[in-house]
Amino acid sequence: MEVLKFNLSGRTVFFKKPDVNSIVCFTYGNIHKVALMGILGACLGLKGYNQQTKDDEYPEFYSELENIKISIVPKNEFGYIDKKIQRFNNSVGYASKEEGGNLIVKEQWLENPSWDIYIQLEDTDICRDLKNRFLSNKFVYIPYLGKNDHIANISGIELISDAYKSESVDKIDSFFTREDFEFEKYDFDDDDDDYEEPFKYQEKLPCKLDRITNQYILETIIFTNMPVKLLSKKDVYKVRDMNLIFI
């Protein structure tokens, strides 16, 4: 199986949560599949939310990439990315009805994130286009991380042609959905030379769009170094020395 791999990073990120209050706009703590599909759509020149018409069930990027299989491996320690509240002025004339038309915006940004992204390359036109554009560094639009204030860095692009299904799995090195696995009991011995401090990152992240409303459908996503047991029939792939789940 062929897999396209690249590193995605940036100085700051804002993956806006729709459930905000009147004071601060919050971000998801990690990249999610729908945001990543938007980035890939920009690279391919596909239309986004602003170009969606009333006759379109989904934005074009989602319609074209809905079935693509992606694996995400966080590179920040323990999968946790630092966050900070940013305050800035929006002084365009229509920003606010307050005197002077100045709106003070407060947003929560992620700082210095990095992920390794793996894309399962099927025998489809969209996958062939992705492969050709990434390997030749010919993108249609500039990719950004949530908003055009946050430019995405794409590096380390490579094609892996020797990925295969794992027969036996006790650890997953990428994001996976909680319903597919359960944790195994394991005694961590900190005197062991191979000891790793156990960690678990867990968050509800968007994985799909609702067909009627185009609202996010959330799933519980986990990233951990603890041993797990596969509950579903989902395939686990060995890519280099890692066990990856493609969601």
Protein backbone atom coordinates (compact mmCIF):
# COMPACT_ATOMS: atom_id res chain seq x y z
CA MET A 1 0.00 0.00 0.00
CA GLU A 2 1.25 3.47 -0.87
CA VAL A 3 1.18 6.19 1.76
CA LEU A 4 1.89 9.89 1.32
CA LYS A 5 3.65 11.37 4.34
CA PHE A 6 4.41 14.99 5.22
CA ASN A 7 4.96 17.16 8.28
CA LEU A 8 2.47 19.91 8.98
CA SER A 9 3.46 22.69 11.37
CA GLY A 10 3.05 26.37 12.10
CA ARG A 11 3.87 29.13 14.52
CA THR A 12 0.25 29.58 15.63
CA VAL A 13 -3.06 27.81 14.97
CA PHE A 14 -6.74 28.56 15.47
CA PHE A 15 -9.18 25.71 14.84
CA LYS A 16 -12.30 27.51 16.02
CA LYS A 17 -14.84 25.75 18.20
CA PRO A 18 -18.42 26.64 17.26
CA ASP A 19 -19.53 26.65 20.91
CA VAL A 20 -18.01 30.01 21.93
CA ASN A 21 -19.03 32.64 24.44
CA SER A 22 -19.21 36.41 24.04
CA ILE A 23 -15.74 37.00 25.50
CA VAL A 24 -13.28 34.52 23.98
CA CYS A 25 -13.28 32.29 20.89
CA PHE A 26 -11.73 28.93 21.75
CA THR A 27 -9.77 26.46 19.64
CA TYR A 28 -9.69 22.69 19.50
CA GLY A 29 -6.52 21.39 21.14
CA ASN A 30 -5.29 19.56 18.03
CA ILE A 31 -5.85 19.36 14.32
CA HIS A 32 -8.94 17.39 13.34
CA LYS A 33 -9.87 15.50 10.19
CA VAL A 34 -12.26 18.12 8.76
CA ALA A 35 -9.66 20.89 9.16
CA LEU A 36 -7.06 18.67 7.52
CA MET A 37 -9.43 17.97 4.64
CA GLY A 38 -9.78 21.74 4.22
CA ILE A 39 -6.00 22.10 4.01
CA LEU A 40 -5.79 19.34 1.41
CA GLY A 41 -8.68 20.95 -0.47
CA ALA A 42 -6.79 24.26 -0.61
CA CYS A 43 -3.74 22.46 -2.00
CA LEU A 44 -5.94 20.91 -4.69
CA GLY A 45 -7.86 24.13 -5.46
CA LEU A 46 -11.23 22.83 -4.25
CA LYS A 47 -14.00 25.22 -3.19
CA GLY A 48 -14.69 25.90 0.48
CA TYR A 49 -17.59 26.99 2.67
CA ASN A 50 -17.81 30.46 1.13
CA GLN A 51 -18.35 29.02 -2.35
CA GLN A 52 -20.99 26.50 -1.26
CA THR A 53 -24.40 27.09 -2.87
CA LYS A 54 -27.84 26.11 -1.57
CA ASP A 55 -27.86 23.19 -4.00
CA ASP A 56 -24.60 21.77 -2.61
CA GLU A 57 -24.95 19.13 0.08
CA TYR A 58 -21.41 19.79 1.31
CA PRO A 59 -18.58 22.19 0.48
CA GLU A 60 -16.63 20.88 -2.51
CA PHE A 61 -13.51 20.04 -0.49
CA TYR A 62 -15.57 17.79 1.79
CA SER A 63 -17.52 16.14 -1.02
CA GLU A 64 -14.30 15.26 -2.85
CA LEU A 65 -12.30 14.17 0.21
CA GLU A 66 -15.03 12.63 2.39
CA ASN A 67 -13.73 9.07 1.96
CA ILE A 68 -10.01 9.79 2.17
CA LYS A 69 -8.14 7.87 4.89
CA ILE A 70 -5.82 9.94 7.06
CA SER A 71 -3.56 9.12 10.02
CA ILE A 72 -2.35 11.88 12.35
CA VAL A 73 0.73 11.56 14.58
CA PRO A 74 1.25 14.52 16.96
CA LYS A 75 4.87 15.55 17.35
CA ASN A 76 4.40 17.78 20.41
CA GLU A 77 5.26 15.99 23.63
CA PHE A 78 2.37 13.85 24.91
CA GLY A 79 0.20 15.28 22.12
CA TYR A 80 -0.33 18.48 24.12
CA ILE A 81 0.07 21.87 22.42
CA ASP A 82 0.49 25.07 24.43
CA LYS A 83 -2.37 27.56 24.24
CA LYS A 84 -2.49 31.29 24.80
CA ILE A 85 -5.24 33.93 24.64
CA GLN A 86 -4.48 36.59 22.00
CA ARG A 87 -6.10 40.03 21.98
CA PHE A 88 -6.19 42.25 18.91
CA ASN A 89 -8.26 45.00 17.33
CA ASN A 90 -10.54 44.64 14.33
CA SER A 91 -11.06 48.19 13.14
CA VAL A 92 -12.76 47.65 9.78
CA GLY A 93 -15.90 49.74 9.53
CA TYR A 94 -18.32 46.82 9.79
CA ALA A 95 -16.56 45.02 12.65
CA SER A 96 -18.59 46.56 15.44
CA LYS A 97 -21.48 48.94 16.07
CA GLU A 98 -19.55 50.45 18.95
CA GLU A 99 -18.37 54.05 18.74
CA GLY A 100 -15.36 54.19 16.44
CA GLY A 101 -16.23 50.83 14.87
CA ASN A 102 -13.42 49.05 16.75
CA LEU A 103 -13.92 45.47 17.93
CA ILE A 104 -11.54 43.92 20.46
CA VAL A 105 -11.14 40.27 19.52
CA LYS A 106 -9.96 37.59 21.95
CA GLU A 107 -8.96 34.21 20.54
CA GLN A 108 -7.25 31.17 22.00
CA TRP A 109 -4.36 30.09 19.76
CA LEU A 110 -2.22 26.96 19.75
CA GLU A 111 1.51 27.65 19.68
CA ASN A 112 4.21 25.84 17.67
CA PRO A 113 2.24 22.71 16.75
CA SER A 114 3.62 19.91 14.60
CA TRP A 115 2.04 16.77 13.18
CA ASP A 116 3.16 14.01 10.84
CA ILE A 117 0.33 13.34 8.39
CA TYR A 118 -0.10 10.04 6.55
CA ILE A 119 -2.57 9.68 3.67
CA GLN A 120 -3.63 6.29 2.33
CA LEU A 121 -3.33 6.54 -1.46
CA GLU A 122 -6.19 4.70 -3.13
CA ASP A 123 -6.53 4.19 -6.89
CA THR A 124 -8.67 7.31 -7.39
CA ASP A 125 -8.29 10.55 -9.31
CA ILE A 126 -8.29 12.65 -6.14
CA CYS A 127 -5.50 10.57 -4.56
CA ARG A 128 -3.44 10.69 -7.74
CA ASP A 129 -3.86 14.49 -7.85
CA LEU A 130 -2.81 14.77 -4.19
CA LYS A 131 0.23 12.60 -4.77
CA ASN A 132 1.37 14.57 -7.84
CA ARG A 133 0.83 17.98 -6.26
CA PHE A 134 2.63 17.15 -3.02
CA LEU A 135 5.58 15.44 -4.64
CA SER A 136 6.01 18.36 -7.06
CA ASN A 137 5.16 21.09 -4.48
CA LYS A 138 2.52 22.59 -6.78
CA PHE A 139 -0.41 23.77 -4.67
CA VAL A 140 -3.28 25.88 -5.98
CA TYR A 141 -3.91 27.92 -2.81
CA ILE A 142 -1.74 28.72 0.19
CA PRO A 143 -2.68 26.31 3.01
CA TYR A 144 -3.33 27.78 6.44
CA LEU A 145 -4.14 26.41 9.89
CA GLY A 146 -7.72 27.39 10.62
CA LYS A 147 -7.53 31.05 9.50
CA ASN A 148 -5.44 32.92 6.99
CA ASP A 149 -3.57 34.55 9.90
CA HIS A 150 -1.90 31.18 10.47
CA ILE A 151 0.19 30.00 7.53
CA ALA A 152 0.85 26.25 7.37
CA ASN A 153 4.34 24.87 6.84
CA ILE A 154 4.44 21.65 4.83
CA SER A 155 7.78 19.80 4.81
CA GLY A 156 9.33 16.34 4.73
CA ILE A 157 7.12 15.16 1.88
CA GLU A 158 7.77 11.54 0.93
CA LEU A 159 6.11 8.51 -0.60
CA ILE A 160 6.11 5.27 1.40
CA SER A 161 5.39 2.19 -0.69
CA ASP A 162 5.89 -0.65 1.79
CA ALA A 163 3.06 -0.11 4.29
CA TYR A 164 1.14 -3.25 5.25
CA LYS A 165 -1.54 -4.46 7.64
CA SER A 166 -0.33 -5.40 11.12
CA GLU A 167 -1.24 -8.86 12.32
CA SER A 168 -0.67 -8.27 16.02
CA VAL A 169 -1.08 -4.90 17.71
CA ASP A 170 -0.67 -3.82 21.32
CA LYS A 171 0.16 -0.15 20.81
CA ILE A 172 -1.04 2.60 18.44
CA ASP A 173 1.27 5.47 17.50
CA SER A 174 -1.37 7.76 15.96
CA PHE A 175 -4.74 9.24 16.85
CA PHE A 176 -7.50 6.65 17.16
CA THR A 177 -11.17 6.72 18.13
CA ARG A 178 -12.03 5.52 21.61
CA GLU A 179 -14.70 3.08 20.46
CA ASP A 180 -12.16 1.04 18.46
CA PHE A 181 -9.88 0.13 21.37
CA GLU A 182 -9.77 -0.55 25.07
CA PHE A 183 -6.80 -0.14 27.38
CA GLU A 184 -4.91 -3.20 28.55
CA LYS A 185 -3.73 -3.61 32.13
CA TYR A 186 -0.01 -3.08 32.32
CA ASP A 187 2.45 -2.57 35.18
CA PHE A 188 4.88 0.19 34.31
CA ASP A 189 8.26 -0.41 35.91
CA ASP A 190 10.24 2.81 36.15
CA ASP A 191 13.41 0.77 36.82
CA ASP A 192 13.14 -0.74 33.33
CA ASP A 193 15.63 0.68 30.83
CA ASP A 194 12.83 0.93 28.24
CA TYR A 195 10.44 2.66 30.65
CA GLU A 196 8.29 5.43 29.18
CA GLU A 197 6.17 7.71 31.31
CA PRO A 198 2.58 6.76 30.47
CA PHE A 199 0.35 9.45 29.01
CA LYS A 200 -3.07 9.78 27.42
CA TYR A 201 -4.35 12.74 25.41
CA GLN A 202 -8.12 12.67 24.83
CA GLU A 203 -10.45 15.19 23.21
CA LYS A 204 -13.71 15.26 21.27
CA LEU A 205 -12.70 16.37 17.77
CA PRO A 206 -14.64 16.83 14.50
CA CYS A 207 -14.40 13.82 12.20
CA LYS A 208 -17.35 14.41 9.85
CA LEU A 209 -19.91 16.99 8.75
CA ASP A 210 -23.62 16.50 9.29
CA ARG A 211 -25.42 16.15 5.95
CA ILE A 212 -28.31 18.48 6.81
CA THR A 213 -26.66 21.23 8.82
CA ASN A 214 -22.96 20.86 7.88
CA GLN A 215 -22.26 21.04 11.63
CA TYR A 216 -19.33 19.09 13.06
CA ILE A 217 -19.87 15.49 14.15
CA LEU A 218 -17.51 14.85 17.07
CA GLU A 219 -15.75 11.67 18.09
CA THR A 220 -13.55 10.99 21.10
CA ILE A 221 -9.96 10.90 19.84
CA ILE A 222 -7.10 9.44 21.88
CA PHE A 223 -3.32 9.59 21.61
CA THR A 224 -1.38 7.45 24.07
CA ASN A 225 1.68 5.28 24.61
CA MET A 226 -0.23 2.81 26.78
CA PRO A 227 -1.01 -0.73 25.56
CA VAL A 228 -4.40 -1.18 23.91
CA LYS A 229 -6.57 -3.97 22.56
CA LEU A 230 -8.46 -3.71 19.26
CA LEU A 231 -12.23 -3.99 19.68
CA SER A 232 -13.45 -3.29 16.15
CA LYS A 233 -12.60 -4.71 12.73
CA LYS A 234 -10.64 -1.60 11.82
CA ASP A 235 -7.32 -2.27 10.11
CA VAL A 236 -4.04 -1.24 11.72
CA TYR A 237 -1.18 -0.55 9.33
CA LYS A 238 2.54 -0.89 9.91
CA VAL A 239 4.23 2.16 8.38
CA ARG A 240 7.96 2.08 8.93
CA ASP A 241 8.22 1.21 12.63
CA MET A 242 4.81 2.56 13.68
CA ASN A 243 1.30 1.18 14.05
CA LEU A 244 -1.12 3.66 12.47
CA ILE A 245 -4.89 3.94 12.36
CA PHE A 246 -6.36 5.71 9.32
CA ILE A 247 -9.54 7.58 10.22
